[in-house]
């Protein structure tokens, strides 16, 4: 009798896995169908689409957004309630992913290609706001739980983990964060990037991914260990990235020379002089970038206090 029950349970589990796999493949098929429809519509009727539709449809941007959100919600269903992030963290993650999608796959991208200050707002979202919210969500384990099983060995592989260790090393992370910002805004490089769609996509992806990696390092709510950095080191890294951003923003916002004539070539779509466009872009780097560093510092201090209170409670319980 017990053997029959065991066989019945195994059969039920197999049927459940088969049903789940079939549902997953249907979902992926629907995702590709939606992406294909958007690709055709954007290619055939680019001038007739509303503002919220893609200006230039990108399969990588579309798939990255859809799969990240799909695996996130799938992971939430799979994880026990005790292992799920809080509701506000879930909301932060979703908001961050959607914010990145808005600047990459709506007509915001069109304006970013024709106005320097809009381009700086878009990169502020990719490198700061959107990445900050994604990191604040701390939803990596949730997305991992929702991923297909065949992809998990790739995520756990030594090359991937080694690359992550290098990019999130405390001596590398702030340098990479600041240098990417400077690199893509070097006038000659920026000119080539804005005239080459492939380089433009590489620029956007590197800024978004680097932002997520850096802010995930800073906003990790766990104490060290298991977190990579102590609260003091996180605060030092925030200070390390703040001054170079302020300097770059001041240079651009106070300069009397048009450093980015490529926007004259592309054609500005708003009635604004080249210098005003550049000055507003510099202010976006200078002021909101500084405010984001302040926000990160506040989060670090709050996390430090909460971890100290938690450790004190644990010591009290152990002593009692």
Protein backbone atom coordinates (compact mmCIF):
# COMPACT_ATOMS: atom_id res chain seq x y z
CA UNK A 1 0.00 0.00 0.00
CA UNK A 2 2.79 2.41 0.95
CA UNK A 3 4.55 1.64 -2.33
CA UNK A 4 1.41 2.39 -4.28
CA UNK A 5 1.04 5.74 -2.49
CA UNK A 6 4.69 6.54 -3.25
CA UNK A 7 4.22 5.69 -6.92
CA UNK A 8 1.08 7.83 -6.99
CA UNK A 9 2.91 10.79 -5.47
CA UNK A 10 5.77 10.45 -7.94
CA UNK A 11 3.29 10.33 -10.81
CA UNK A 12 1.54 13.45 -9.50
CA UNK A 13 4.87 15.30 -9.20
CA UNK A 14 5.84 14.30 -12.74
CA UNK A 15 2.48 15.50 -14.05
CA UNK A 16 2.89 18.80 -12.19
CA UNK A 17 6.37 19.35 -13.61
CA UNK A 18 5.11 18.54 -17.11
CA UNK A 19 2.23 20.97 -16.73
CA UNK A 20 4.53 23.68 -15.41
CA UNK A 21 6.99 23.13 -18.27
CA UNK A 22 4.17 23.31 -20.82
CA UNK A 23 2.90 26.54 -19.24
CA UNK A 24 6.39 28.01 -19.29
CA UNK A 25 6.92 27.23 -22.97
CA UNK A 26 3.53 28.75 -23.80
CA UNK A 27 4.54 31.89 -21.89
CA UNK A 28 7.85 32.13 -23.77
CA UNK A 29 6.02 31.62 -27.05
CA UNK A 30 3.58 34.41 -26.20
CA UNK A 31 6.52 36.63 -25.24
CA UNK A 32 8.18 36.08 -28.62
CA UNK A 33 4.87 36.72 -30.39
CA UNK A 34 4.42 40.05 -28.59
CA UNK A 35 8.02 41.00 -29.34
CA UNK A 36 7.61 40.07 -33.00
CA UNK A 37 4.45 42.16 -33.25
CA UNK A 38 6.20 45.17 -31.67
CA UNK A 39 9.17 44.73 -34.01
CA UNK A 40 6.96 44.76 -37.12
CA UNK A 41 4.82 47.67 -35.93
CA UNK A 42 7.83 49.80 -34.98
CA UNK A 43 9.56 49.05 -38.26
CA UNK A 44 6.58 49.71 -40.51
CA UNK A 45 4.86 52.60 -38.70
CA UNK A 46 7.52 54.42 -36.64
CA UNK A 47 6.04 57.90 -37.10
CA UNK A 48 2.48 56.86 -36.21
CA UNK A 49 3.11 55.32 -32.81
CA UNK A 50 2.23 56.92 -29.45
CA UNK A 51 4.91 58.21 -27.09
CA UNK A 52 4.85 55.09 -24.88
CA UNK A 53 5.70 52.74 -27.76
CA UNK A 54 9.32 51.99 -28.72
CA UNK A 55 11.00 54.48 -31.01
CA UNK A 56 13.43 51.81 -32.20
CA UNK A 57 12.47 48.34 -31.03
CA UNK A 58 15.32 46.41 -29.41
CA UNK A 59 15.05 42.67 -28.87
CA UNK A 60 17.70 42.65 -26.08
CA UNK A 61 15.96 45.47 -24.17
CA UNK A 62 12.53 43.89 -24.59
CA UNK A 63 13.65 40.39 -23.61
CA UNK A 64 15.74 41.59 -20.67
CA UNK A 65 12.76 43.48 -19.24
CA UNK A 66 10.16 40.80 -19.91
CA UNK A 67 12.31 37.91 -18.68
CA UNK A 68 13.47 39.77 -15.58
CA UNK A 69 9.88 40.53 -14.57
CA UNK A 70 8.61 37.11 -15.63
CA UNK A 71 11.28 35.24 -13.66
CA UNK A 72 10.74 37.59 -10.73
CA UNK A 73 7.02 36.83 -10.41
CA UNK A 74 7.64 33.14 -11.09
CA UNK A 75 10.28 33.12 -8.35
CA UNK A 76 7.88 34.77 -5.90
CA UNK A 77 5.44 31.90 -6.44
CA UNK A 78 8.17 29.30 -5.95
CA UNK A 79 9.85 30.66 -2.83
CA UNK A 80 8.41 30.08 0.63
CA UNK A 81 6.82 33.17 2.16
CA UNK A 82 9.64 33.49 4.71
CA UNK A 83 12.25 33.79 1.93
CA UNK A 84 10.46 36.44 -0.12
CA UNK A 85 11.50 40.09 0.09
CA UNK A 86 9.08 42.53 1.67
CA UNK A 87 6.38 44.13 -0.46
CA UNK A 88 8.17 47.47 -0.63
CA UNK A 89 11.34 45.79 -1.89
CA UNK A 90 9.32 43.95 -4.54
CA UNK A 91 7.77 47.25 -5.60
CA UNK A 92 11.22 48.88 -5.77
CA UNK A 93 12.56 46.13 -8.03
CA UNK A 94 9.61 46.30 -10.42
CA UNK A 95 9.76 50.12 -10.51
CA UNK A 96 13.49 50.03 -11.29
CA UNK A 97 13.07 47.56 -14.17
CA UNK A 98 10.17 49.55 -15.62
CA UNK A 99 12.11 52.82 -15.28
CA UNK A 100 14.94 51.36 -17.37
CA UNK A 101 12.42 50.13 -19.95
CA UNK A 102 10.85 53.58 -20.22
CA UNK A 103 14.12 55.32 -21.11
CA UNK A 104 15.19 52.55 -23.50
CA UNK A 105 11.98 51.49 -25.22
CA UNK A 106 9.70 54.51 -25.46
CA UNK A 107 10.01 57.77 -27.36
CA UNK A 108 12.17 59.05 -24.50
CA UNK A 109 14.96 57.28 -26.38
CA UNK A 110 14.24 59.39 -29.47
CA UNK A 111 14.62 62.60 -27.48
CA UNK A 112 17.76 61.22 -25.80
CA UNK A 113 19.32 60.81 -29.24
CA UNK A 114 18.60 64.44 -30.15
CA UNK A 115 19.00 66.38 -26.89
CA UNK A 116 22.01 66.15 -24.60
CA UNK A 117 20.12 66.98 -21.40
CA UNK A 118 17.50 64.29 -22.13
CA UNK A 119 20.33 61.86 -22.77
CA UNK A 120 21.75 62.71 -19.33
CA UNK A 121 18.35 62.14 -17.70
CA UNK A 122 18.12 58.76 -19.43
CA UNK A 123 21.56 57.78 -18.18
CA UNK A 124 20.76 59.09 -14.73
CA UNK A 125 17.90 56.58 -14.68
CA UNK A 126 20.03 53.73 -16.03
CA UNK A 127 23.10 54.40 -13.87
CA UNK A 128 21.43 55.82 -10.77
CA UNK A 129 17.67 55.82 -10.16
CA UNK A 130 16.65 52.61 -11.94
CA UNK A 131 19.74 50.71 -10.81
CA UNK A 132 19.31 52.07 -7.27
CA UNK A 133 15.71 50.78 -7.10
CA UNK A 134 16.65 47.39 -8.56
CA UNK A 135 19.45 47.04 -6.00
CA UNK A 136 17.16 48.20 -3.20
CA UNK A 137 14.75 45.41 -4.13
CA UNK A 138 17.36 42.76 -3.28
CA UNK A 139 15.49 40.39 -5.59
CA UNK A 140 18.41 38.42 -7.00
CA UNK A 141 17.41 35.21 -5.19
CA UNK A 142 13.82 35.66 -6.39
CA UNK A 143 14.83 36.05 -10.03
CA UNK A 144 17.23 33.12 -9.66
CA UNK A 145 14.42 30.93 -8.29
CA UNK A 146 12.25 31.81 -11.28
CA UNK A 147 14.91 31.15 -13.91
CA UNK A 148 14.84 27.98 -16.03
CA UNK A 149 16.95 25.27 -14.44
CA UNK A 150 19.27 24.97 -17.43
CA UNK A 151 20.42 28.59 -16.98
CA UNK A 152 21.31 28.31 -13.30
CA UNK A 153 24.64 26.48 -13.85
CA UNK A 154 25.69 29.35 -16.10
CA UNK A 155 24.91 31.90 -13.38
CA UNK A 156 26.77 29.75 -10.82
CA UNK A 157 29.76 29.14 -13.10
CA UNK A 158 33.25 30.16 -12.03
CA UNK A 159 33.77 32.71 -14.88
CA UNK A 160 30.55 34.56 -14.05
CA UNK A 161 31.24 34.59 -10.31
CA UNK A 162 34.85 35.61 -10.96
CA UNK A 163 33.77 38.54 -13.14
CA UNK A 164 31.30 39.62 -10.46
CA UNK A 165 34.00 39.45 -7.79
CA UNK A 166 36.29 41.66 -9.85
CA UNK A 167 33.66 44.26 -10.75
CA UNK A 168 32.41 44.43 -7.17
CA UNK A 169 35.83 44.56 -5.56
CA UNK A 170 35.97 47.67 -3.36
CA UNK A 171 39.04 48.95 -5.22
CA UNK A 172 37.46 48.40 -8.64
CA UNK A 173 33.76 49.20 -8.20
CA UNK A 174 33.98 52.99 -7.64
CA UNK A 175 36.65 53.41 -10.32
CA UNK A 176 34.55 51.51 -12.83
CA UNK A 177 31.43 53.48 -11.86
CA UNK A 178 33.10 56.85 -12.40
CA UNK A 179 35.29 55.89 -15.37
CA UNK A 180 32.34 54.60 -17.38
CA UNK A 181 30.59 57.92 -16.87
CA UNK A 182 33.66 59.86 -18.00
CA UNK A 183 34.47 57.46 -20.84
CA UNK A 184 31.10 57.67 -22.58
CA UNK A 185 31.07 61.48 -22.21
CA UNK A 186 34.53 62.04 -23.68
CA UNK A 187 33.57 64.25 -26.63
CA UNK A 188 35.23 62.27 -29.45
CA UNK A 189 33.96 58.95 -28.13
CA UNK A 190 30.50 60.38 -27.51
CA UNK A 191 30.33 61.59 -31.11
CA UNK A 192 31.08 58.12 -32.48
CA UNK A 193 28.64 56.49 -30.08
CA UNK A 194 25.74 58.78 -30.99
CA UNK A 195 26.24 58.03 -34.70
CA UNK A 196 26.53 54.24 -34.31
CA UNK A 197 23.47 52.36 -33.09
CA UNK A 198 25.47 49.33 -31.94
CA UNK A 199 27.86 51.44 -29.85
CA UNK A 200 24.87 53.36 -28.51
CA UNK A 201 23.32 50.12 -27.27
CA UNK A 202 26.63 49.01 -25.73
CA UNK A 203 26.85 52.33 -23.89
CA UNK A 204 23.34 52.00 -22.47
CA UNK A 205 23.82 48.38 -21.41
CA UNK A 206 27.16 48.99 -19.71
CA UNK A 207 25.75 51.94 -17.78
CA UNK A 208 22.68 49.98 -16.64
CA UNK A 209 24.58 46.83 -15.64
CA UNK A 210 27.35 48.74 -13.90
CA UNK A 211 24.77 50.76 -11.98
CA UNK A 212 23.04 47.62 -10.72
CA UNK A 213 26.34 46.01 -9.70
CA UNK A 214 27.58 49.09 -7.86
CA UNK A 215 24.38 49.94 -6.01
CA UNK A 216 23.83 46.27 -5.12
CA UNK A 217 27.20 46.39 -3.41
CA UNK A 218 26.31 49.57 -1.52
CA UNK A 219 22.68 48.80 -0.60
CA UNK A 220 23.10 45.22 0.56
CA UNK A 221 21.17 45.19 3.85
CA UNK A 222 23.15 42.31 5.34
CA UNK A 223 26.10 42.85 7.71
CA UNK A 224 29.61 41.73 6.77
CA UNK A 225 29.74 38.78 6.43
CA UNK A 226 27.86 37.60 4.37
CA UNK A 227 27.82 41.03 2.68
CA UNK A 228 30.99 41.95 0.79
CA UNK A 229 31.51 45.32 2.50
CA UNK A 230 31.22 46.81 5.95
CA UNK A 231 29.09 49.91 6.45
CA UNK A 232 32.21 52.06 6.76
CA UNK A 233 33.57 50.84 3.43
CA UNK A 234 30.21 51.47 1.75
CA UNK A 235 30.22 55.03 3.03
CA UNK A 236 33.76 55.54 1.73
CA UNK A 237 32.79 54.26 -1.72
CA UNK A 238 29.85 56.66 -1.84
CA UNK A 239 32.19 59.55 -1.06
CA UNK A 240 34.66 58.25 -3.67
CA UNK A 241 32.13 58.49 -6.51
CA UNK A 242 30.54 61.76 -5.44
CA UNK A 243 33.40 64.24 -6.01
CA UNK A 244 34.29 63.11 -9.58
CA UNK A 245 30.62 63.39 -10.58
CA UNK A 246 30.41 66.90 -9.14
CA UNK A 247 33.54 67.92 -11.03
CA UNK A 248 32.28 66.56 -14.34
CA UNK A 249 28.88 68.16 -13.86
CA UNK A 250 30.48 71.51 -13.00
CA UNK A 251 32.72 71.39 -16.09
CA UNK A 252 29.80 70.74 -18.41
CA UNK A 253 27.40 73.18 -16.78
CA UNK A 254 29.91 76.07 -16.62
CA UNK A 255 31.71 75.57 -19.95
CA UNK A 256 31.36 78.22 -22.67
CA UNK A 257 32.37 75.77 -25.42
CA UNK A 258 29.97 73.35 -27.11
CA UNK A 259 31.66 70.02 -26.40
CA UNK A 260 29.04 67.89 -28.16
CA UNK A 261 28.36 69.25 -31.65
CA UNK A 262 27.06 65.79 -32.61
CA UNK A 263 23.63 66.93 -31.41
CA UNK A 264 23.70 69.65 -34.08
CA UNK A 265 24.38 66.89 -36.60
CA UNK A 266 21.54 64.73 -35.27
CA UNK A 267 19.29 67.77 -35.02
CA UNK A 268 17.93 69.09 -31.77
CA UNK A 269 14.20 68.51 -31.48
CA UNK A 270 13.61 71.17 -28.84
CA UNK A 271 14.16 74.91 -29.24
CA UNK A 272 17.31 75.23 -27.16
CA UNK A 273 20.82 76.49 -27.81
CA UNK A 274 23.71 74.03 -27.75
CA UNK A 275 25.23 75.59 -24.65
CA UNK A 276 21.95 75.61 -22.73
CA UNK A 277 21.45 71.97 -23.65
CA UNK A 278 24.96 71.15 -22.41
CA UNK A 279 24.56 73.24 -19.24
CA UNK A 280 21.30 71.50 -18.27
CA UNK A 281 22.95 68.14 -18.91
CA UNK A 282 25.85 69.09 -16.65
CA UNK A 283 23.47 70.15 -13.90
CA UNK A 284 21.77 66.75 -14.08
CA UNK A 285 25.12 65.06 -13.46
CA UNK A 286 26.02 67.55 -10.74
CA UNK A 287 22.89 67.98 -8.61
CA UNK A 288 20.70 64.83 -8.87
CA UNK A 289 23.85 62.70 -8.89
CA UNK A 290 24.94 64.30 -5.63
CA UNK A 291 21.47 63.85 -4.13
CA UNK A 292 21.54 60.15 -5.04
CA UNK A 293 24.79 59.79 -3.12
CA UNK A 294 23.15 61.43 -0.11
CA UNK A 295 20.21 59.03 -0.39
CA UNK A 296 22.60 56.07 -0.53
CA UNK A 297 24.43 57.34 2.55
CA UNK A 298 21.15 57.58 4.46
CA UNK A 299 20.28 54.00 3.50
CA UNK A 300 23.71 52.79 4.64
CA UNK A 301 23.32 54.53 8.01
CA UNK A 302 19.82 53.13 8.51
CA UNK A 303 21.01 49.62 7.63
CA UNK A 304 23.92 50.00 10.06
CA UNK A 305 21.55 50.94 12.87
CA UNK A 306 19.13 48.10 12.10
CA UNK A 307 21.93 45.54 11.97
CA UNK A 308 23.35 46.78 15.28
CA UNK A 309 19.90 46.52 16.90
CA UNK A 310 19.42 43.03 15.49
CA UNK A 311 22.84 41.91 16.77
CA UNK A 312 22.07 43.38 20.20
CA UNK A 313 18.76 41.52 20.36
CA UNK A 314 20.48 38.27 19.38
CA UNK A 315 23.08 38.77 22.13
CA UNK A 316 20.34 39.49 24.66
CA UNK A 317 18.44 36.33 23.73
CA UNK A 318 21.64 34.29 23.85
CA UNK A 319 22.51 35.70 27.26
CA UNK A 320 19.01 35.16 28.60
